[in-house]
């Protein structure tokens, strides 16, 4: 029998959160879906509100390859270029 340690293997470091956006006008907002079907109508509505009511210039929509796993490294790297990110789950 092998006993596994469920704790994280890497040493975590403290990080400061990024500064808050003053407003969303002209911002690029990333939307990351877990890929489940019900995220589509939800994020359609969120995108409409962001554009129409908050003046967001672009909404970038991406879907994770596996709904139960963390976002892929490539997706996280792309997200670094967005002004803000929304991540959602739908069932």
PDB file of N, CA and C in Angstrom:
ATOM      1  N   UNK A   1       0.838  -1.160   0.000  1.00  0.00           N
ATOM      2  CA  UNK A   1       0.000   0.000   0.000  1.00  0.00           C
ATOM      3  C   UNK A   1       0.894   1.237   0.000  1.00  0.00           C
ATOM      4  N   UNK A   2       0.522   2.211  -0.812  1.00  0.00           N
ATOM      5  CA  UNK A   2       1.243   3.484  -0.848  1.00  0.00           C
ATOM      6  C   UNK A   2       0.323   4.569  -0.306  1.00  0.00           C
ATOM      7  N   UNK A   3       0.811   5.322   0.646  1.00  0.00           N
ATOM      8  CA  UNK A   3       0.038   6.416   1.220  1.00  0.00           C
ATOM      9  C   UNK A   3       0.468   7.700   0.530  1.00  0.00           C
ATOM     10  N   UNK A   4      -0.503   8.410  -0.013  1.00  0.00           N
ATOM     11  CA  UNK A   4      -0.222   9.629  -0.763  1.00  0.00           C
ATOM     12  C   UNK A   4      -0.458  10.855   0.113  1.00  0.00           C
ATOM     13  N   UNK A   5       0.375  11.849  -0.061  1.00  0.00           N
ATOM     14  CA  UNK A   5       0.223  13.121   0.621  1.00  0.00           C
ATOM     15  C   UNK A   5      -0.601  14.036  -0.288  1.00  0.00           C
ATOM     16  N   UNK A   6      -1.792  14.460   0.128  1.00  0.00           N
ATOM     17  CA  UNK A   6      -2.654  15.259  -0.745  1.00  0.00           C
ATOM     18  C   UNK A   6      -2.286  16.739  -0.819  1.00  0.00           C
ATOM     19  N   UNK A   7      -1.274  17.154  -0.084  1.00  0.00           N
ATOM     20  CA  UNK A   7      -0.923  18.576  -0.103  1.00  0.00           C
ATOM     21  C   UNK A   7      -0.180  18.939  -1.385  1.00  0.00           C
ATOM     22  N   UNK A   8      -0.194  20.218  -1.685  1.00  0.00           N
ATOM     23  CA  UNK A   8       0.455  20.731  -2.893  1.00  0.00           C
ATOM     24  C   UNK A   8       1.962  20.527  -2.797  1.00  0.00           C
ATOM     25  N   UNK A   9       2.585  20.110  -3.895  1.00  0.00           N
ATOM     26  CA  UNK A   9       4.013  19.792  -3.881  1.00  0.00           C
ATOM     27  C   UNK A   9       4.907  21.019  -4.008  1.00  0.00           C
ATOM     28  N   UNK A  10       4.405  22.074  -4.616  1.00  0.00           N
ATOM     29  CA  UNK A  10       5.228  23.265  -4.803  1.00  0.00           C
ATOM     30  C   UNK A  10       5.038  24.217  -3.635  1.00  0.00           C
ATOM     31  N   UNK A  11       6.083  24.961  -3.370  1.00  0.00           N
ATOM     32  CA  UNK A  11       5.996  25.970  -2.314  1.00  0.00           C
ATOM     33  C   UNK A  11       5.253  27.187  -2.870  1.00  0.00           C
ATOM     34  N   UNK A  12       4.195  27.575  -2.206  1.00  0.00           N
ATOM     35  CA  UNK A  12       3.402  28.707  -2.657  1.00  0.00           C
ATOM     36  C   UNK A  12       3.977  30.000  -2.102  1.00  0.00           C
ATOM     37  N   UNK A  13       3.960  31.028  -2.917  1.00  0.00           N
ATOM     38  CA  UNK A  13       4.454  32.328  -2.484  1.00  0.00           C
ATOM     39  C   UNK A  13       3.296  33.314  -2.414  1.00  0.00           C
ATOM     40  N   UNK A  14       3.424  34.272  -1.559  1.00  0.00           N
ATOM     41  CA  UNK A  14       2.415  35.305  -1.422  1.00  0.00           C
ATOM     42  C   UNK A  14       2.536  36.286  -2.583  1.00  0.00           C
ATOM     43  N   UNK A  15       1.401  36.687  -3.127  1.00  0.00           N
ATOM     44  CA  UNK A  15       1.398  37.644  -4.226  1.00  0.00           C
ATOM     45  C   UNK A  15       0.372  38.722  -3.944  1.00  0.00           C
ATOM     46  N   UNK A  16       0.675  39.916  -4.393  1.00  0.00           N
ATOM     47  CA  UNK A  16      -0.267  41.017  -4.279  1.00  0.00           C
ATOM     48  C   UNK A  16      -1.253  40.942  -5.438  1.00  0.00           C
ATOM     49  N   UNK A  17      -2.519  41.229  -5.192  1.00  0.00           N
ATOM     50  CA  UNK A  17      -3.469  41.244  -6.307  1.00  0.00           C
ATOM     51  C   UNK A  17      -3.172  42.424  -7.229  1.00  0.00           C
ATOM     52  N   UNK A  18      -3.529  42.305  -8.491  1.00  0.00           N
ATOM     53  CA  UNK A  18      -3.307  43.421  -9.413  1.00  0.00           C
ATOM     54  C   UNK A  18      -4.223  44.587  -9.044  1.00  0.00           C
ATOM     55  N   UNK A  19      -3.891  45.783  -9.484  1.00  0.00           N
ATOM     56  CA  UNK A  19      -4.769  46.918  -9.186  1.00  0.00           C
ATOM     57  C   UNK A  19      -6.134  46.733  -9.843  1.00  0.00           C
ATOM     58  N   UNK A  20      -7.164  47.219  -9.184  1.00  0.00           N
ATOM     59  CA  UNK A  20      -8.525  47.131  -9.728  1.00  0.00           C
ATOM     60  C   UNK A  20      -8.670  48.039 -10.929  1.00  0.00           C
ATOM     61  N   UNK A  21      -9.511  47.635 -11.863  1.00  0.00           N
ATOM     62  CA  UNK A  21      -9.832  48.491 -12.998  1.00  0.00           C
ATOM     63  C   UNK A  21     -10.739  49.615 -12.510  1.00  0.00           C
ATOM     64  N   UNK A  22     -10.497  50.826 -12.976  1.00  0.00           N
ATOM     65  CA  UNK A  22     -11.360  51.952 -12.590  1.00  0.00           C
ATOM     66  C   UNK A  22     -12.737  51.818 -13.230  1.00  0.00           C
ATOM     67  N   UNK A  23     -12.754  51.331 -14.474  1.00  0.00           N
ATOM     68  CA  UNK A  23     -14.006  51.052 -15.176  1.00  0.00           C
ATOM     69  C   UNK A  23     -13.703  50.052 -16.281  1.00  0.00           C
ATOM     70  N   UNK A  24     -14.722  49.625 -16.978  1.00  0.00           N
ATOM     71  CA  UNK A  24     -14.551  48.610 -18.017  1.00  0.00           C
ATOM     72  C   UNK A  24     -14.555  49.188 -19.426  1.00  0.00           C
ATOM     73  N   UNK A  25     -14.786  50.483 -19.560  1.00  0.00           N
ATOM     74  CA  UNK A  25     -14.852  51.089 -20.887  1.00  0.00           C
ATOM     75  C   UNK A  25     -13.539  50.894 -21.639  1.00  0.00           C
ATOM     76  N   UNK A  26     -13.653  50.309 -22.841  1.00  0.00           N
ATOM     77  CA  UNK A  26     -12.484  50.060 -23.675  1.00  0.00           C
ATOM     78  C   UNK A  26     -11.665  48.848 -23.275  1.00  0.00           C
ATOM     79  N   UNK A  27     -12.087  48.135 -22.250  1.00  0.00           N
ATOM     80  CA  UNK A  27     -11.317  46.994 -21.745  1.00  0.00           C
ATOM     81  C   UNK A  27     -11.507  45.752 -22.615  1.00  0.00           C
ATOM     82  N   UNK A  28     -10.520  44.869 -22.532  1.00  0.00           N
ATOM     83  CA  UNK A  28     -10.600  43.545 -23.142  1.00  0.00           C
ATOM     84  C   UNK A  28     -10.852  42.563 -22.000  1.00  0.00           C
ATOM     85  N   UNK A  29     -11.986  41.886 -22.065  1.00  0.00           N
ATOM     86  CA  UNK A  29     -12.382  40.971 -21.005  1.00  0.00           C
ATOM     87  C   UNK A  29     -12.339  39.548 -21.545  1.00  0.00           C
ATOM     88  N   UNK A  30     -11.628  38.684 -20.859  1.00  0.00           N
ATOM     89  CA  UNK A  30     -11.587  37.274 -21.219  1.00  0.00           C
ATOM     90  C   UNK A  30     -12.641  36.509 -20.450  1.00  0.00           C
ATOM     91  N   UNK A  31     -13.283  35.577 -21.125  1.00  0.00           N
ATOM     92  CA  UNK A  31     -14.294  34.732 -20.505  1.00  0.00           C
ATOM     93  C   UNK A  31     -13.861  33.286 -20.706  1.00  0.00           C
ATOM     94  N   UNK A  32     -13.620  32.592 -19.612  1.00  0.00           N
ATOM     95  CA  UNK A  32     -13.186  31.197 -19.679  1.00  0.00           C
ATOM     96  C   UNK A  32     -14.330  30.308 -19.203  1.00  0.00           C
ATOM     97  N   UNK A  33     -14.770  29.440 -20.090  1.00  0.00           N
ATOM     98  CA  UNK A  33     -15.859  28.518 -19.798  1.00  0.00           C
ATOM     99  C   UNK A  33     -15.300  27.151 -19.430  1.00  0.00           C
ATOM    100  N   UNK A  34     -16.051  26.426 -18.610  1.00  0.00           N
ATOM    101  CA  UNK A  34     -15.651  25.054 -18.311  1.00  0.00           C
ATOM    102  C   UNK A  34     -16.087  24.096 -19.417  1.00  0.00           C
ATOM    103  N   UNK A  35     -16.817  24.600 -20.409  1.00  0.00           N
ATOM    104  CA  UNK A  35     -17.196  23.791 -21.554  1.00  0.00           C
ATOM    105  C   UNK A  35     -18.539  23.111 -21.448  1.00  0.00           C
ATOM    106  N   UNK A  36     -19.207  23.265 -20.339  1.00  0.00           N
ATOM    107  CA  UNK A  36     -20.522  22.653 -20.217  1.00  0.00           C
ATOM    108  C   UNK A  36     -21.548  23.504 -20.969  1.00  0.00           C
ATOM    109  N   UNK A  37     -22.574  22.840 -21.457  1.00  0.00           N
ATOM    110  CA  UNK A  37     -23.529  23.445 -22.379  1.00  0.00           C
ATOM    111  C   UNK A  37     -24.181  24.727 -21.873  1.00  0.00           C
ATOM    112  N   UNK A  38     -24.545  24.778 -20.604  1.00  0.00           N
ATOM    113  CA  UNK A  38     -25.282  25.933 -20.095  1.00  0.00           C
ATOM    114  C   UNK A  38     -24.434  27.187 -19.909  1.00  0.00           C
ATOM    115  N   UNK A  39     -23.140  27.086 -20.099  1.00  0.00           N
ATOM    116  CA  UNK A  39     -22.346  28.317 -20.040  1.00  0.00           C
ATOM    117  C   UNK A  39     -22.584  29.180 -21.269  1.00  0.00           C
ATOM    118  N   UNK A  40     -22.991  28.586 -22.381  1.00  0.00           N
ATOM    119  CA  UNK A  40     -23.146  29.344 -23.629  1.00  0.00           C
ATOM    120  C   UNK A  40     -24.195  30.446 -23.502  1.00  0.00           C
ATOM    121  N   UNK A  41     -25.461  30.157 -23.135  1.00  0.00           N
ATOM    122  CA  UNK A  41     -26.427  31.255 -23.024  1.00  0.00           C
ATOM    123  C   UNK A  41     -26.084  32.231 -21.901  1.00  0.00           C
ATOM    124  N   UNK A  42     -25.503  31.723 -20.835  1.00  0.00           N
ATOM    125  CA  UNK A  42     -25.116  32.607 -19.734  1.00  0.00           C
ATOM    126  C   UNK A  42     -24.067  33.610 -20.191  1.00  0.00           C
ATOM    127  N   UNK A  43     -22.996  33.127 -20.832  1.00  0.00           N
ATOM    128  CA  UNK A  43     -21.945  34.031 -21.283  1.00  0.00           C
ATOM    129  C   UNK A  43     -22.376  34.884 -22.470  1.00  0.00           C
ATOM    130  N   UNK A  44     -23.350  34.428 -23.271  1.00  0.00           N
ATOM    131  CA  UNK A  44     -23.913  35.292 -24.316  1.00  0.00           C
ATOM    132  C   UNK A  44     -24.506  36.537 -23.670  1.00  0.00           C
ATOM    133  N   UNK A  45     -25.258  36.338 -22.601  1.00  0.00           N
ATOM    134  CA  UNK A  45     -25.889  37.462 -21.904  1.00  0.00           C
ATOM    135  C   UNK A  45     -24.847  38.338 -21.208  1.00  0.00           C
ATOM    136  N   UNK A  46     -23.876  37.716 -20.562  1.00  0.00           N
ATOM    137  CA  UNK A  46     -22.806  38.481 -19.910  1.00  0.00           C
ATOM    138  C   UNK A  46     -22.079  39.341 -20.933  1.00  0.00           C
ATOM    139  N   UNK A  47     -21.754  38.772 -22.083  1.00  0.00           N
ATOM    140  CA  UNK A  47     -21.056  39.532 -23.122  1.00  0.00           C
ATOM    141  C   UNK A  47     -21.897  40.718 -23.585  1.00  0.00           C
ATOM    142  N   UNK A  48     -23.186  40.502 -23.793  1.00  0.00           N
ATOM    143  CA  UNK A  48     -24.073  41.585 -24.212  1.00  0.00           C
ATOM    144  C   UNK A  48     -24.083  42.719 -23.189  1.00  0.00           C
ATOM    145  N   UNK A  49     -24.175  42.386 -21.924  1.00  0.00           N
ATOM    146  CA  UNK A  49     -24.174  43.405 -20.863  1.00  0.00           C
ATOM    147  C   UNK A  49     -22.839  44.135 -20.819  1.00  0.00           C
ATOM    148  N   UNK A  50     -21.737  43.402 -20.908  1.00  0.00           N
ATOM    149  CA  UNK A  50     -20.415  44.034 -20.863  1.00  0.00           C
ATOM    150  C   UNK A  50     -20.241  45.039 -21.994  1.00  0.00           C
ATOM    151  N   UNK A  51     -20.680  44.674 -23.186  1.00  0.00           N
ATOM    152  CA  UNK A  51     -20.534  45.570 -24.341  1.00  0.00           C
ATOM    153  C   UNK A  51     -21.505  46.751 -24.266  1.00  0.00           C
ATOM    154  N   UNK A  52     -22.790  46.459 -24.025  1.00  0.00           N
ATOM    155  CA  UNK A  52     -23.830  47.484 -24.108  1.00  0.00           C
ATOM    156  C   UNK A  52     -23.863  48.427 -22.915  1.00  0.00           C
ATOM    157  N   UNK A  53     -23.631  47.911 -21.726  1.00  0.00           N
ATOM    158  CA  UNK A  53     -23.773  48.736 -20.528  1.00  0.00           C
ATOM    159  C   UNK A  53     -22.452  49.248 -19.968  1.00  0.00           C
ATOM    160  N   UNK A  54     -21.352  48.573 -20.288  1.00  0.00           N
ATOM    161  CA  UNK A  54     -20.070  48.951 -19.696  1.00  0.00           C
ATOM    162  C   UNK A  54     -19.027  49.380 -20.712  1.00  0.00           C
ATOM    163  N   UNK A  55     -19.348  49.327 -22.001  1.00  0.00           N
ATOM    164  CA  UNK A  55     -18.428  49.817 -23.020  1.00  0.00           C
ATOM    165  C   UNK A  55     -17.182  48.988 -23.230  1.00  0.00           C
ATOM    166  N   UNK A  56     -17.248  47.710 -22.902  1.00  0.00           N
ATOM    167  CA  UNK A  56     -16.104  46.824 -23.133  1.00  0.00           C
ATOM    168  C   UNK A  56     -15.834  46.768 -24.631  1.00  0.00           C
ATOM    169  N   UNK A  57     -14.572  46.877 -25.024  1.00  0.00           N
ATOM    170  CA  UNK A  57     -14.242  46.900 -26.451  1.00  0.00           C
ATOM    171  C   UNK A  57     -14.168  45.512 -27.062  1.00  0.00           C
ATOM    172  N   UNK A  58     -13.779  44.513 -26.269  1.00  0.00           N
ATOM    173  CA  UNK A  58     -13.637  43.163 -26.805  1.00  0.00           C
ATOM    174  C   UNK A  58     -13.887  42.143 -25.705  1.00  0.00           C
ATOM    175  N   UNK A  59     -14.596  41.085 -26.065  1.00  0.00           N
ATOM    176  CA  UNK A  59     -14.793  39.949 -25.171  1.00  0.00           C
ATOM    177  C   UNK A  59     -14.178  38.737 -25.856  1.00  0.00           C
ATOM    178  N   UNK A  60     -13.175  38.164 -25.227  1.00  0.00           N
ATOM    179  CA  UNK A  60     -12.474  36.995 -25.760  1.00  0.00           C
ATOM    180  C   UNK A  60     -13.014  35.776 -25.028  1.00  0.00           C
ATOM    181  N   UNK A  61     -13.631  34.854 -25.770  1.00  0.00           N
ATOM    182  CA  UNK A  61     -14.221  33.672 -25.139  1.00  0.00           C
ATOM    183  C   UNK A  61     -13.373  32.444 -25.435  1.00  0.00           C
ATOM    184  N   UNK A  62     -13.048  31.716 -24.374  1.00  0.00           N
ATOM    185  CA  UNK A  62     -12.254  30.501 -24.491  1.00  0.00           C
ATOM    186  C   UNK A  62     -12.910  29.406 -23.646  1.00  0.00           C
ATOM    187  N   UNK A  63     -12.649  28.165 -24.033  1.00  0.00           N
ATOM    188  CA  UNK A  63     -13.183  27.017 -23.309  1.00  0.00           C
ATOM    189  C   UNK A  63     -12.038  26.105 -22.905  1.00  0.00           C
ATOM    190  N   UNK A  64     -12.038  25.716 -21.647  1.00  0.00           N
ATOM    191  CA  UNK A  64     -11.018  24.777 -21.170  1.00  0.00           C
ATOM    192  C   UNK A  64     -11.206  23.427 -21.855  1.00  0.00           C
ATOM    193  N   UNK A  65     -10.120  22.695 -22.023  1.00  0.00           N
ATOM    194  CA  UNK A  65     -10.179  21.377 -22.655  1.00  0.00           C
ATOM    195  C   UNK A  65     -10.860  20.350 -21.756  1.00  0.00           C
ATOM    196  N   UNK A  66     -10.737  20.522 -20.449  1.00  0.00           N
ATOM    197  CA  UNK A  66     -11.304  19.569 -19.495  1.00  0.00           C
ATOM    198  C   UNK A  66     -12.010  20.370 -18.408  1.00  0.00           C
ATOM    199  N   UNK A  67     -13.309  20.171 -18.267  1.00  0.00           N
ATOM    200  CA  UNK A  67     -14.073  21.002 -17.339  1.00  0.00           C
ATOM    201  C   UNK A  67     -13.638  20.865 -15.886  1.00  0.00           C
ATOM    202  N   UNK A  68     -13.060  19.746 -15.499  1.00  0.00           N
ATOM    203  CA  UNK A  68     -12.708  19.551 -14.090  1.00  0.00           C
ATOM    204  C   UNK A  68     -11.247  19.844 -13.777  1.00  0.00           C
ATOM    205  N   UNK A  69     -10.473  20.185 -14.782  1.00  0.00           N
ATOM    206  CA  UNK A  69      -9.042  20.450 -14.583  1.00  0.00           C
ATOM    207  C   UNK A  69      -8.770  21.955 -14.642  1.00  0.00           C
ATOM    208  N   UNK A  70      -7.655  22.389 -14.100  1.00  0.00           N
ATOM    209  CA  UNK A  70      -7.274  23.798 -14.232  1.00  0.00           C
ATOM    210  C   UNK A  70      -7.097  24.176 -15.704  1.00  0.00           C
ATOM    211  N   UNK A  71      -7.171  25.452 -15.975  1.00  0.00           N
ATOM    212  CA  UNK A  71      -6.954  25.942 -17.344  1.00  0.00           C
ATOM    213  C   UNK A  71      -5.537  25.601 -17.797  1.00  0.00           C
ATOM    214  N   UNK A  72      -5.402  25.340 -19.084  1.00  0.00           N
ATOM    215  CA  UNK A  72      -4.114  24.973 -19.662  1.00  0.00           C
ATOM    216  C   UNK A  72      -3.134  26.146 -19.592  1.00  0.00           C
ATOM    217  N   UNK A  73      -1.850  25.842 -19.600  1.00  0.00           N
ATOM    218  CA  UNK A  73      -0.803  26.871 -19.518  1.00  0.00           C
ATOM    219  C   UNK A  73      -0.929  27.875 -20.656  1.00  0.00           C
ATOM    220  N   UNK A  74      -1.260  27.410 -21.859  1.00  0.00           N
ATOM    221  CA  UNK A  74      -1.398  28.315 -23.007  1.00  0.00           C
ATOM    222  C   UNK A  74      -2.542  29.298 -22.786  1.00  0.00           C
ATOM    223  N   UNK A  75      -3.631  28.808 -22.221  1.00  0.00           N
ATOM    224  CA  UNK A  75      -4.774  29.667 -21.938  1.00  0.00           C
ATOM    225  C   UNK A  75      -4.427  30.690 -20.864  1.00  0.00           C
ATOM    226  N   UNK A  76      -3.721  30.265 -19.849  1.00  0.00           N
ATOM    227  CA  UNK A  76      -3.299  31.192 -18.798  1.00  0.00           C
ATOM    228  C   UNK A  76      -2.354  32.256 -19.348  1.00  0.00           C
ATOM    229  N   UNK A  77      -1.471  31.864 -20.248  1.00  0.00           N
ATOM    230  CA  UNK A  77      -0.549  32.827 -20.863  1.00  0.00           C
ATOM    231  C   UNK A  77      -1.322  33.841 -21.691  1.00  0.00           C
ATOM    232  N   UNK A  78      -2.317  33.377 -22.444  1.00  0.00           N
ATOM    233  CA  UNK A  78      -3.136  34.299 -23.239  1.00  0.00           C
ATOM    234  C   UNK A  78      -3.887  35.268 -22.334  1.00  0.00           C
ATOM    235  N   UNK A  79      -4.385  34.771 -21.216  1.00  0.00           N
ATOM    236  CA  UNK A  79      -5.155  35.599 -20.289  1.00  0.00           C
ATOM    237  C   UNK A  79      -4.334  36.745 -19.711  1.00  0.00           C
ATOM    238  N   UNK A  80      -3.034  36.604 -19.690  1.00  0.00           N
ATOM    239  CA  UNK A  80      -2.179  37.683 -19.175  1.00  0.00           C
ATOM    240  C   UNK A  80      -2.324  38.958 -20.005  1.00  0.00           C
ATOM    241  N   UNK A  81      -2.786  38.846 -21.246  1.00  0.00           N
ATOM    242  CA  UNK A  81      -2.973  40.009 -22.106  1.00  0.00           C
ATOM    243  C   UNK A  81      -4.343  40.651 -21.995  1.00  0.00           C
ATOM    244  N   UNK A  82      -5.224  40.083 -21.206  1.00  0.00           N
ATOM    245  CA  UNK A  82      -6.562  40.642 -21.036  1.00  0.00           C
ATOM    246  C   UNK A  82      -6.577  41.584 -19.835  1.00  0.00           C
ATOM    247  N   UNK A  83      -7.518  42.517 -19.831  1.00  0.00           N
ATOM    248  CA  UNK A  83      -7.634  43.446 -18.705  1.00  0.00           C
ATOM    249  C   UNK A  83      -8.297  42.795 -17.490  1.00  0.00           C
ATOM    250  N   UNK A  84      -9.199  41.859 -17.735  1.00  0.00           N
ATOM    251  CA  UNK A  84      -9.882  41.141 -16.654  1.00  0.00           C
ATOM    252  C   UNK A  84     -10.362  39.803 -17.202  1.00  0.00           C
ATOM    253  N   UNK A  85     -10.635  38.872 -16.296  1.00  0.00           N
ATOM    254  CA  UNK A  85     -11.064  37.529 -16.689  1.00  0.00           C
ATOM    255  C   UNK A  85     -12.276  37.119 -15.857  1.00  0.00           C
ATOM    256  N   UNK A  86     -13.257  36.532 -16.535  1.00  0.00           N
ATOM    257  CA  UNK A  86     -14.383  35.881 -15.876  1.00  0.00           C
ATOM    258  C   UNK A  86     -14.254  34.399 -16.146  1.00  0.00           C
ATOM    259  N   UNK A  87     -14.443  33.606 -15.120  1.00  0.00           N
ATOM    260  CA  UNK A  87     -14.401  32.158 -15.297  1.00  0.00           C
ATOM    261  C   UNK A  87     -15.717  31.609 -14.795  1.00  0.00           C
ATOM    262  N   UNK A  88     -16.339  30.719 -15.576  1.00  0.00           N
ATOM    263  CA  UNK A  88     -17.662  30.260 -15.191  1.00  0.00           C
ATOM    264  C   UNK A  88     -17.872  28.779 -15.342  1.00  0.00           C
ATOM    265  N   UNK A  89     -18.863  28.308 -14.598  1.00  0.00           N
ATOM    266  CA  UNK A  89     -19.221  26.902 -14.586  1.00  0.00           C
ATOM    267  C   UNK A  89     -20.702  26.800 -14.934  1.00  0.00           C
ATOM    268  N   UNK A  90     -21.046  25.859 -15.769  1.00  0.00           N
ATOM    269  CA  UNK A  90     -22.454  25.646 -16.106  1.00  0.00           C
ATOM    270  C   UNK A  90     -22.782  24.179 -16.115  1.00  0.00           C
ATOM    271  N   UNK A  91     -23.961  23.845 -15.663  1.00  0.00           N
ATOM    272  CA  UNK A  91     -24.431  22.457 -15.698  1.00  0.00           C
ATOM    273  C   UNK A  91     -25.799  22.385 -16.308  1.00  0.00           C
TER     274      UNK A  91
END
